[in-house]
Protein backbone atom coordinates (compact mmCIF):
# COMPACT_ATOMS: atom_id res chain seq x y z
CA MET A 1 79.65 281.06 -80.86
CA LEU A 2 80.11 280.53 -84.71
CA PHE A 3 77.12 278.16 -85.42
CA PRO A 4 74.74 280.79 -86.19
CA ARG A 5 77.10 282.33 -88.55
CA THR A 6 77.73 279.27 -90.20
CA ILE A 7 74.10 278.67 -90.73
CA GLY A 8 73.97 282.02 -92.42
CA LEU A 9 76.76 281.42 -94.80
CA LEU A 10 75.28 278.14 -95.87
CA LEU A 11 72.02 279.52 -96.47
CA CYS A 12 73.53 281.97 -98.77
CA ALA A 13 75.57 279.67 -100.39
CA ALA A 14 72.58 277.57 -101.08
CA ALA A 15 70.55 280.60 -102.59
CA LEU A 16 73.45 281.35 -104.62
CA LEU A 17 73.75 277.75 -105.94
CA GLN A 18 70.12 277.71 -106.77
CA GLY A 19 70.50 280.80 -108.78
CA CYS A 20 73.46 279.51 -110.75
CA ALA A 21 71.52 276.40 -111.45
CA SER A 22 68.42 278.18 -112.71
CA ASN A 23 70.45 280.49 -115.16
CA ILE A 24 72.73 277.44 -116.73
CA GLY A 25 69.93 276.18 -119.02
CA PRO A 26 69.14 279.55 -120.67
CA SER A 27 72.52 280.69 -120.90
CA SER A 28 73.50 277.36 -122.36
CA VAL A 29 71.34 278.09 -125.15
CA ARG A 30 73.83 281.01 -126.47
CA ARG A 31 76.94 279.22 -125.33
CA GLU A 32 76.11 275.80 -127.25
CA ARG A 33 73.93 276.49 -130.13
CA PRO A 34 76.36 278.14 -132.26
CA ASN A 35 78.75 275.25 -131.42
CA TYR A 36 76.36 272.64 -132.37
CA ASN A 37 75.45 274.74 -135.76
CA ARG A 38 79.12 274.76 -136.58
CA GLU A 39 79.95 271.17 -136.21
CA ILE A 40 76.87 270.10 -137.92
CA VAL A 41 77.49 272.40 -141.03
CA GLN A 42 81.25 271.01 -141.12
CA SER A 43 80.37 267.51 -140.94
CA HIS A 44 77.58 268.08 -143.41
CA ASP A 45 80.03 269.38 -145.90
CA GLU A 46 82.71 266.61 -145.12
CA GLN A 47 80.19 264.23 -145.68
CA MET A 48 79.31 265.39 -149.12
CA LEU A 49 82.65 266.05 -150.03
CA LEU A 50 83.81 262.45 -149.00
CA ASN A 51 80.76 260.75 -151.10
CA LEU A 52 82.20 262.79 -154.36
CA VAL A 53 85.57 261.39 -153.79
CA ARG A 54 84.07 258.12 -153.45
CA LEU A 55 82.19 258.11 -156.68
CA ARG A 56 85.51 259.15 -158.44
CA TYR A 57 87.19 256.10 -156.98
CA ARG A 58 84.02 253.93 -157.85
CA ASP A 59 83.38 253.24 -154.22
CA THR A 60 80.17 253.03 -152.77
CA PRO A 61 78.57 256.37 -151.38
CA LEU A 62 76.43 256.33 -148.50
CA PHE A 63 74.60 259.40 -146.84
CA VAL A 64 73.71 259.49 -142.86
CA GLU A 65 71.37 262.25 -141.91
CA LEU A 66 71.79 263.83 -138.88
CA THR A 67 68.04 264.09 -137.47
CA SER A 68 68.11 265.35 -134.02
CA VAL A 69 70.63 266.31 -131.28
CA VAL A 70 69.14 266.58 -127.81
CA THR A 71 71.06 267.67 -124.97
CA SER A 72 70.02 267.24 -121.30
CA TYR A 73 71.30 268.77 -117.97
CA ALA A 74 71.71 267.10 -114.48
CA PHE A 75 72.04 269.20 -111.54
CA ASP A 76 73.30 267.88 -108.30
CA GLN A 77 73.21 270.46 -105.39
CA ASN A 78 74.66 269.87 -101.92
CA VAL A 79 74.83 271.67 -98.51
CA SER A 80 76.62 270.49 -95.60
CA ILE A 81 77.46 271.33 -92.11
CA GLY A 82 79.66 269.56 -89.43
CA THR A 83 81.13 269.91 -85.91
CA LYS A 84 83.71 268.20 -83.99
CA ILE A 85 82.76 266.48 -80.59
CA PHE A 86 85.41 266.29 -78.06
CA ASP A 87 85.02 263.49 -74.90
CA GLY A 88 81.33 263.20 -76.00
CA LYS A 89 80.84 266.73 -75.73
CA VAL A 90 80.06 269.27 -78.87
CA GLY A 91 82.85 271.57 -79.53
CA ASP A 92 83.30 275.04 -80.87
CA GLU A 93 84.95 274.05 -84.19
CA TYR A 94 82.59 273.54 -87.24
CA THR A 95 82.94 272.66 -90.80
CA ALA A 96 80.78 273.54 -93.65
CA GLY A 97 80.38 273.12 -97.40
CA ALA A 98 78.45 273.42 -100.48
CA GLY A 99 78.89 272.16 -104.17
CA LEU A 100 77.20 272.09 -107.41
CA LEU A 101 77.50 269.37 -109.83
CA ILE A 102 76.54 269.84 -113.42
CA GLY A 103 76.29 266.80 -116.30
CA ASN A 104 75.56 267.51 -120.19
CA ARG A 105 74.38 264.39 -121.92
CA PRO A 106 73.88 265.00 -125.38
CA THR A 107 72.11 262.35 -127.65
CA VAL A 108 72.53 262.25 -131.47
CA THR A 109 70.27 260.31 -133.85
CA TYR A 110 71.43 259.27 -137.14
CA LEU A 111 69.42 257.90 -140.23
CA PRO A 112 71.03 256.15 -143.17
CA LEU A 113 69.14 257.37 -146.34
CA GLN A 114 68.54 254.26 -148.45
CA GLY A 115 65.95 252.29 -149.26
CA GLU A 116 63.42 252.16 -152.73
CA GLU A 117 62.12 255.70 -152.22
CA PHE A 118 65.42 257.25 -151.44
CA ALA A 119 67.09 255.61 -154.66
CA ILE A 120 64.13 256.38 -157.10
CA ARG A 121 64.43 260.15 -156.01
CA MET A 122 68.37 259.56 -156.48
CA LEU A 123 67.61 258.74 -160.06
CA SER A 124 64.86 260.95 -161.08
CA PRO A 125 65.39 264.19 -163.07
CA LEU A 126 65.48 267.37 -160.95
CA PRO A 127 62.03 269.32 -161.31
CA LEU A 128 62.34 272.31 -163.68
CA ASP A 129 60.46 274.38 -161.30
CA SER A 130 63.11 273.85 -158.50
CA ILE A 131 65.76 275.01 -161.16
CA MET A 132 63.75 277.96 -161.98
CA LEU A 133 63.50 278.82 -158.19
CA PHE A 134 67.15 278.70 -158.11
CA SER A 135 67.52 280.89 -160.99
CA GLN A 136 64.94 283.64 -159.44
CA THR A 137 66.71 283.82 -156.17
CA GLY A 138 70.28 285.11 -157.38
CA TRP A 139 71.98 281.99 -158.41
CA SER A 140 74.16 282.03 -161.81
CA VAL A 141 72.08 280.88 -164.73
CA GLU A 142 75.25 279.12 -166.00
CA ARG A 143 75.94 277.35 -163.01
CA LEU A 144 72.47 276.17 -162.78
CA LEU A 145 72.57 274.77 -166.42
CA LEU A 146 75.93 273.20 -166.27
CA LEU A 147 75.56 271.36 -163.05
CA CYS A 148 71.36 270.46 -162.98
CA VAL A 149 70.20 270.39 -166.72
CA GLN A 150 71.34 267.20 -168.75
CA ARG A 151 70.01 268.52 -172.02
CA ILE A 152 68.00 271.64 -173.66
CA ASN A 153 66.24 270.70 -177.03
CA ASP A 154 69.19 268.88 -178.89
CA VAL A 155 71.98 270.39 -177.02
CA GLU A 156 73.50 267.63 -174.58
CA ASN A 157 75.21 268.70 -171.67
CA ALA A 158 78.28 266.15 -170.89
CA ALA A 159 75.62 263.27 -170.68
CA SER A 160 78.59 260.48 -170.27
CA ALA A 161 80.11 262.53 -167.30
CA THR A 162 77.03 261.70 -165.17
CA GLY A 163 77.86 258.38 -164.54
CA PRO A 164 81.17 256.35 -163.53
CA THR A 165 84.06 258.31 -165.07
CA PRO A 166 84.01 257.87 -169.07
CA THR A 167 86.97 256.59 -170.81
CA THR A 168 86.54 259.14 -173.70
CA LYS A 169 86.20 262.90 -173.60
CA PRO A 170 82.49 263.91 -173.27
CA SER A 171 80.67 266.25 -175.55
CA PHE A 172 80.15 269.53 -173.63
CA GLU A 173 81.31 272.70 -175.72
CA ALA A 174 78.28 273.51 -177.54
CA PHE A 175 76.09 273.36 -174.36
CA ARG A 176 78.91 275.38 -172.44
CA ASP A 177 78.70 277.98 -175.27
CA LEU A 178 74.91 278.18 -174.73
CA ALA A 179 75.04 278.21 -171.09
CA THR A 180 77.53 281.31 -171.10
CA ARG A 181 75.59 283.21 -173.76
CA LEU A 182 72.26 282.82 -171.61
CA ARG A 183 74.38 283.79 -168.67
CA ARG A 184 75.24 287.06 -170.35
CA LEU A 185 71.62 287.66 -171.56
CA SER A 186 70.08 286.94 -167.99
CA ILE A 187 72.63 289.48 -166.67
CA ALA A 188 71.48 292.16 -169.32
CA GLY A 189 67.92 291.27 -168.35
CA ARG A 190 67.43 289.74 -171.94
CA PHE A 191 66.73 286.23 -171.11
CA GLY A 192 64.66 284.55 -168.07
CA MET A 193 62.29 281.59 -166.88
CA ASN A 194 59.29 282.04 -165.12
CA TRP A 195 55.71 280.93 -164.50
CA ASP A 196 52.69 282.25 -166.29
CA PHE A 197 49.76 281.89 -164.09
CA GLY A 198 47.00 282.27 -166.79
CA GLU A 199 43.56 284.12 -166.40
CA ASP A 200 43.07 282.39 -163.08
CA PRO A 201 46.10 282.27 -160.50
CA SER A 202 44.22 280.38 -157.76
CA VAL A 203 43.83 277.35 -160.10
CA GLN A 204 47.03 275.17 -160.05
CA SER A 205 46.68 273.63 -163.61
CA ALA A 206 46.44 276.64 -165.13
CA TYR A 207 50.62 277.30 -164.21
CA HIS A 208 52.73 277.43 -167.41
CA MET A 209 56.42 277.81 -167.30
CA LYS A 210 58.04 280.19 -170.05
CA PHE A 211 61.31 280.68 -171.31
CA TRP A 212 61.77 284.17 -173.08
CA LEU A 213 64.34 285.98 -174.98
CA LYS A 214 64.28 289.41 -175.81
CA PRO A 215 66.82 290.84 -178.59
CA PRO A 216 68.17 294.32 -177.94
CA GLU A 217 66.81 297.24 -179.99
CA ASP A 218 70.08 297.98 -181.46
CA PRO A 219 71.13 294.92 -183.94
CA SER A 220 74.56 295.78 -183.71
CA ASP A 221 74.64 295.25 -179.87
CA PRO A 222 76.83 291.98 -178.96
CA LEU A 223 74.02 291.03 -177.15
CA ALA A 224 71.84 290.57 -180.36
CA ALA A 225 74.39 287.79 -181.65
CA ASP A 226 73.85 286.13 -178.50
CA VAL A 227 70.19 286.09 -178.96
CA ALA A 228 70.47 284.65 -182.42
CA ALA A 229 73.03 282.04 -181.57
CA VAL A 230 70.71 280.67 -178.98
CA ARG A 231 67.70 280.53 -181.18
CA GLU A 232 69.95 278.75 -183.67
CA ALA A 233 71.35 276.34 -181.31
CA LEU A 234 67.99 275.48 -179.70
CA ARG A 235 66.10 275.63 -183.10
CA ILE A 236 63.27 277.94 -182.07
CA ASP A 237 60.97 280.05 -183.85
CA PRO A 238 63.04 283.37 -184.37
CA GLY A 239 59.78 285.56 -184.54
CA LEU A 240 59.16 285.12 -181.04
CA GLU A 241 60.21 286.26 -177.70
CA GLU A 242 58.53 283.91 -175.43
CA TYR A 243 58.30 279.87 -175.60
CA ALA A 244 56.80 277.32 -173.65
CA LEU A 245 59.06 275.30 -171.21
CA THR A 246 58.54 271.59 -171.06
CA PRO A 247 60.61 268.80 -169.58
CA PHE A 248 60.46 266.92 -172.60
CA PRO A 249 63.31 267.87 -175.17
CA HIS A 250 62.00 265.43 -177.81
CA ASN A 251 59.19 265.69 -180.24
CA ARG A 252 58.76 269.55 -179.38
CA ARG A 253 57.35 272.70 -181.49
CA SER A 254 59.29 275.39 -182.37
CA ASP A 255 57.68 277.40 -180.21
CA GLU A 256 58.32 275.12 -177.29
CA VAL A 257 61.69 274.47 -175.24
CA GLY A 258 62.54 271.16 -174.02
CA MET A 259 64.86 271.07 -171.08
CA ARG A 260 65.31 267.91 -169.07
CA GLY A 261 66.96 268.35 -165.46
CA ARG A 262 69.85 265.85 -164.42
CA SER A 263 69.37 263.40 -161.71
CA LEU A 264 70.70 264.13 -158.26
CA LEU A 265 72.97 260.95 -158.81
CA GLY A 266 74.05 262.46 -162.10
CA VAL A 267 74.94 265.69 -160.50
CA LEU A 268 76.82 263.98 -157.72
CA TYR A 269 78.90 261.99 -160.46
CA PHE A 270 79.38 265.00 -162.47
CA LEU A 271 80.87 267.04 -159.81
CA SER A 272 82.86 263.88 -158.54
CA GLN A 273 84.82 264.47 -162.08
CA SER A 274 86.60 267.43 -160.44
CA VAL A 275 88.55 265.22 -158.10
CA GLU A 276 92.03 265.61 -158.91
CA ALA A 277 93.57 262.06 -158.34
CA PRO A 278 97.03 261.47 -157.50
CA LYS A 279 99.09 260.06 -160.31
CA GLU A 280 100.11 257.05 -158.07
CA HIS A 281 96.31 256.02 -158.02
CA ALA A 282 95.93 256.62 -161.76
CA ASP A 283 98.96 254.45 -162.45
CA ALA A 284 97.34 251.74 -160.18
CA GLY A 285 94.19 251.92 -162.23
CA LEU A 286 92.47 253.02 -159.02
CA VAL A 287 90.76 255.80 -160.96
CA THR A 288 89.58 255.93 -164.86
CA VAL A 289 91.75 258.19 -166.90
CA THR A 290 89.66 259.88 -169.62
CA LEU A 291 91.35 260.12 -172.95
CA ASP A 292 90.66 262.82 -175.42
CA ARG A 293 90.19 262.39 -179.34
CA ASP A 294 94.05 262.44 -179.79
CA GLY A 295 94.21 259.83 -176.89
CA ARG A 296 95.96 262.02 -174.40
CA PRO A 297 94.62 262.39 -171.08
CA PHE A 298 91.66 264.71 -170.67
CA ASP A 299 91.90 267.83 -168.46
CA TRP A 300 88.49 267.80 -166.76
CA ASP A 301 89.37 271.45 -165.85
CA THR A 302 88.32 272.44 -169.20
CA LEU A 303 84.63 271.34 -168.11
CA LEU A 304 84.77 271.83 -164.39
CA LYS A 305 86.87 274.96 -163.78
CA ASP A 306 84.08 277.64 -162.99
CA THR A 307 82.05 274.68 -161.00
CA MET A 308 84.30 272.69 -158.80
CA ARG A 309 87.84 271.66 -158.15
CA ILE A 310 88.85 269.39 -155.81
CA HIS A 311 92.65 268.88 -154.81
CA ALA A 312 94.38 266.16 -153.52
CA SER A 313 97.47 266.48 -150.99
CA LYS A 314 99.42 263.89 -149.23
CA ALA A 315 99.81 266.10 -146.30
CA ARG A 316 96.87 267.56 -144.41
CA PRO A 317 96.11 271.04 -146.35
CA THR A 318 96.61 274.19 -144.45
CA ASN A 319 94.24 276.54 -146.85
CA ALA A 320 91.09 274.21 -147.01
CA PHE A 321 87.73 274.93 -146.53
CA VAL A 322 86.68 271.43 -146.16
CA ALA A 323 88.72 268.39 -146.12
CA VAL A 324 88.61 264.73 -145.98
CA THR A 325 90.93 261.67 -145.94
CA HIS A 326 90.38 258.78 -148.46
CA ARG A 327 92.74 256.01 -149.38
CA GLY A 328 95.75 257.68 -147.35
CA TRP A 329 95.47 260.98 -149.42
CA TRP A 330 93.72 264.36 -148.58
CA PHE A 331 91.08 265.75 -150.75
CA TYR A 332 89.84 269.20 -150.17
CA ILE A 333 88.15 272.60 -151.53
CA ALA A 334 90.40 275.53 -151.36
CA ASP A 335 89.08 278.42 -148.80
CA ASP A 336 89.63 280.97 -151.34
CA ASP A 337 88.10 278.82 -154.14
CA LEU A 338 84.58 280.72 -154.20
CA ALA A 339 83.40 278.94 -157.08
CA SER A 340 83.81 275.68 -155.69
CA LYS A 341 82.02 276.64 -152.44
CA SER A 342 79.23 277.85 -154.37
CA SER A 343 78.82 274.62 -156.07
CA LEU A 344 79.00 272.48 -152.92
CA SER A 345 76.48 274.94 -151.38
CA LEU A 346 74.04 274.59 -154.34
CA LEU A 347 74.52 270.92 -154.22
CA ASN A 348 73.82 270.69 -150.52
CA PHE A 349 70.40 272.71 -150.96
CA LEU A 350 69.77 270.12 -154.06
CA PHE A 351 70.28 267.40 -151.71
CA SER A 352 68.00 268.59 -149.17
CA LEU A 353 65.21 269.20 -151.66
CA GLN A 354 65.53 265.94 -153.77
CA SER A 355 66.07 263.22 -150.86
CA ALA A 356 63.74 264.91 -148.21
CA SER A 357 61.00 262.31 -148.72
CA GLY A 358 63.46 259.28 -148.59
CA LYS A 359 63.27 259.97 -144.69
CA GLY A 360 61.67 257.39 -142.45
CA LYS A 361 62.58 254.28 -144.73
CA SER A 362 65.67 253.39 -142.97
CA PRO A 363 66.40 252.38 -139.40
CA VAL A 364 67.23 254.91 -137.00
CA LEU A 365 70.65 254.86 -135.17
CA THR A 366 70.49 256.75 -131.86
CA LEU A 367 73.98 257.35 -130.03
CA PRO A 368 74.45 259.04 -126.50
CA VAL A 369 77.54 260.97 -126.77
CA GLY A 370 80.01 260.49 -124.09
CA ARG A 371 80.71 263.35 -121.68
């Protein structure tokens, strides 16, 4: 008789299904977390790139924050057994079955970043504390100064490039020379920015920011010329090696260095100038063509070549690190362009720091993702 054997098989199948179901949740972490991580990072980079392109075209940017991803699983187990009946009598033919249905229902929550507080933080200068933290964690001083700083003492950093694309070439040569010299001195351990905690480190008000320069012992060392050039450009006391660092470039003393950070929106506009708009768009007046002092088109690459470069292509690029479409064209950062990738990463960090408190001021959009 097959009935006892069938019962045994069904019991085994039920136990096996139960074991599989109990293991699906834990194993899904290893399987799905990297996938969500990869897609979230990719979409974040694409959103940032798209907004840079929009700013180049003077289109309205929008940032939508991905606030949560919740995944739920539904399990449906079933075990069945049956027999055939002949002329009202139970036959010796039996049927058995077992099944397991698994459902995955992710829910994604978005938050459009907008409102008064978010706008204020987008327009407020980046705090010097943030810039100093980045400089002390391995980021290039030159990159930080070119992207994040609007002015050091009387030396301005392409101020007209921190808004909609200007019609005339911005002034940037003196600041770029200063940033390059400070990078060389920083690598050699002759320049830095740090906090002076005073006599009592536990007192917050005792913290002071310092800007220091140490000339080499050998006056013929090329770095000695860099130190002298920095002191002359900033008009600071040549007899000192340490200067108070303040966020106020105006009305400063000779023992102070005033450094004003750019706003986050200013950083975005500055990097948007690196978008290589197609000639047909320039001819159609969709983007501003900046002219140099001789009336020729200004090459933004002379200012931005070491920070960001965003290419345009009619066809989908094959060597893109990140790419988006806008107005029928592809805009992308090349995968082997390490300088642009570094600037994009820095921009993402700055955006996270500066825009964080704007959360919660806008309506939340929650979408169940279809299976």
